[in-house]
Protein backbone atom coordinates (compact mmCIF):
# COMPACT_ATOMS: atom_id res chain seq x y z
CA UNK A 1 -156.48 -8.43 -3.59
CA UNK A 2 -156.07 -11.68 -1.68
CA UNK A 3 -156.94 -12.64 1.86
CA UNK A 4 -153.94 -12.67 4.14
CA UNK A 5 -153.54 -15.87 6.17
CA UNK A 6 -153.21 -15.62 9.94
CA UNK A 7 -149.71 -15.31 11.28
CA UNK A 8 -149.20 -17.00 14.63
CA UNK A 9 -151.84 -18.08 17.10
CA UNK A 10 -155.55 -17.43 17.30
CA UNK A 11 -156.61 -14.66 19.67
CA UNK A 12 -158.49 -16.20 22.62
CA UNK A 13 -158.34 -13.14 24.90
CA UNK A 14 -161.85 -11.84 24.31
CA UNK A 15 -163.92 -15.00 23.90
CA UNK A 16 -167.40 -14.85 25.36
CA UNK A 17 -169.50 -17.97 26.03
CA UNK A 18 -173.25 -17.61 26.49
CA UNK A 19 -175.35 -20.62 27.44
CA UNK A 20 -172.83 -23.23 26.27
CA UNK A 21 -171.95 -25.95 28.77
CA UNK A 22 -168.32 -26.14 29.90
CA UNK A 23 -167.61 -29.55 28.35
CA UNK A 24 -168.77 -28.33 24.93
CA UNK A 25 -166.77 -25.09 25.29
CA UNK A 26 -163.66 -27.20 25.95
CA UNK A 27 -164.38 -29.30 22.85
CA UNK A 28 -164.82 -26.19 20.70
CA UNK A 29 -161.58 -24.66 21.96
CA UNK A 30 -159.74 -27.95 21.35
CA UNK A 31 -161.20 -28.11 17.84
CA UNK A 32 -160.03 -24.58 17.03
CA UNK A 33 -156.60 -25.28 18.52
CA UNK A 34 -156.19 -28.02 15.87
CA UNK A 35 -157.22 -25.43 13.27
CA UNK A 36 -154.72 -22.97 14.75
CA UNK A 37 -151.97 -25.59 14.42
CA UNK A 38 -153.09 -26.51 10.88
CA UNK A 39 -153.35 -30.09 12.17
CA UNK A 40 -156.27 -31.33 10.12
CA UNK A 41 -155.59 -34.96 11.03
CA UNK A 42 -156.20 -34.11 14.70
CA UNK A 43 -159.04 -31.83 13.56
CA UNK A 44 -160.92 -34.82 12.14
CA UNK A 45 -161.02 -36.43 15.61
CA UNK A 46 -163.54 -33.74 16.58
CA UNK A 47 -165.78 -34.46 13.59
CA UNK A 48 -168.67 -36.86 13.47
CA UNK A 49 -168.05 -37.22 9.72
CA UNK A 50 -165.11 -35.18 8.38
CA UNK A 51 -166.71 -35.06 4.92
CA UNK A 52 -169.71 -33.04 6.20
CA UNK A 53 -167.92 -30.38 8.25
CA UNK A 54 -164.53 -29.02 7.30
CA UNK A 55 -162.72 -25.97 8.60
CA UNK A 56 -159.59 -26.42 6.49
CA UNK A 57 -160.59 -23.81 3.89
CA UNK A 58 -161.38 -21.01 6.34
CA UNK A 59 -158.99 -22.11 9.12
CA UNK A 60 -155.91 -20.21 7.95
CA UNK A 61 -157.93 -16.97 7.84
CA UNK A 62 -159.48 -17.18 11.33
CA UNK A 63 -157.85 -14.54 13.52
CA UNK A 64 -159.97 -14.92 16.65
CA UNK A 65 -162.95 -16.77 18.05
CA UNK A 66 -164.92 -14.07 19.84
CA UNK A 67 -168.24 -15.59 20.88
CA UNK A 68 -169.87 -18.96 21.51
CA UNK A 69 -173.62 -18.72 21.91
CA UNK A 70 -176.11 -21.56 22.39
CA UNK A 71 -178.92 -21.28 19.85
CA UNK A 72 -182.05 -23.23 20.77
CA UNK A 73 -184.28 -21.45 18.23
CA UNK A 74 -183.79 -24.00 15.45
CA UNK A 75 -182.74 -27.01 17.48
CA UNK A 76 -185.81 -29.21 16.95
CA UNK A 77 -185.95 -28.33 13.23
CA UNK A 78 -182.27 -29.27 12.77
CA UNK A 79 -182.74 -32.51 14.74
CA UNK A 80 -185.65 -33.42 12.46
CA UNK A 81 -183.95 -32.27 9.23
CA UNK A 82 -180.88 -34.47 9.77
CA UNK A 83 -182.62 -37.24 11.76
CA UNK A 84 -180.18 -36.60 14.60
CA UNK A 85 -182.38 -38.29 17.20
CA UNK A 86 -181.35 -41.57 15.53
CA UNK A 87 -177.69 -40.76 16.26
CA UNK A 88 -177.72 -38.97 19.62
CA UNK A 89 -179.97 -37.64 22.34
CA UNK A 90 -177.53 -34.75 22.97
CA UNK A 91 -177.59 -32.17 20.19
CA UNK A 92 -176.57 -28.52 20.46
CA UNK A 93 -176.35 -25.65 18.02
CA UNK A 94 -173.64 -23.14 18.86
CA UNK A 95 -173.42 -19.87 16.97
CA UNK A 96 -169.70 -19.21 16.72
CA UNK A 97 -168.55 -15.71 15.88
CA UNK A 98 -165.07 -15.35 14.45
CA UNK A 99 -162.88 -12.51 13.31
CA UNK A 100 -161.38 -13.43 9.94
CA UNK A 101 -159.02 -11.77 7.54
CA UNK A 102 -160.70 -10.47 4.43
CA UNK A 103 -159.61 -8.70 1.28
CA UNK A 104 -160.52 -5.42 3.02
CA UNK A 105 -158.73 -6.18 6.30
CA UNK A 106 -160.81 -7.97 8.93
CA UNK A 107 -164.44 -8.99 9.17
CA UNK A 108 -166.68 -10.68 11.70
CA UNK A 109 -168.62 -13.78 10.64
CA UNK A 110 -171.00 -16.06 12.52
CA UNK A 111 -171.82 -19.65 11.67
CA UNK A 112 -174.08 -22.22 13.29
CA UNK A 113 -172.09 -25.27 14.37
CA UNK A 114 -174.21 -28.36 15.04
CA UNK A 115 -172.67 -30.65 17.66
CA UNK A 116 -173.80 -34.12 18.70
CA UNK A 117 -172.58 -36.17 21.62
CA UNK A 118 -171.64 -39.74 20.77
CA UNK A 119 -169.78 -42.21 22.97
CA UNK A 120 -169.51 -39.51 25.64
CA UNK A 121 -167.76 -37.00 23.35
CA UNK A 122 -169.00 -33.91 21.55
CA UNK A 123 -168.43 -34.06 17.79
CA UNK A 124 -169.02 -31.45 15.14
CA UNK A 125 -171.79 -32.70 12.87
CA UNK A 126 -172.34 -29.80 10.48
CA UNK A 127 -171.59 -26.12 9.90
CA UNK A 128 -174.44 -23.96 8.63
């Protein structure tokens, strides 16, 4: 049995944001709107390095983004692990919960998205 790709637009009706600043929420929504449109050229504009974070494989199967939650628990470890303090003083980890199509119907998945702010803009650095 194969996963069924999303038909139409992402569901934004029930998104919850907890502890994520408005500017970063706007960036995340804009990023997922490029995924929704299958516009991976525009998608790369939201990436610090498109080769390290790519949503093109899962993008067609994302049905909804349901929660954005700031996660400070591993922030200093991630900054150290990737030497992010050399790149930016603004680093955030956002746990993003999505409803995706699966072989059994639908499932909920959460991933840690690491964002850095460079030249005044939030960019996706890595997905964990």
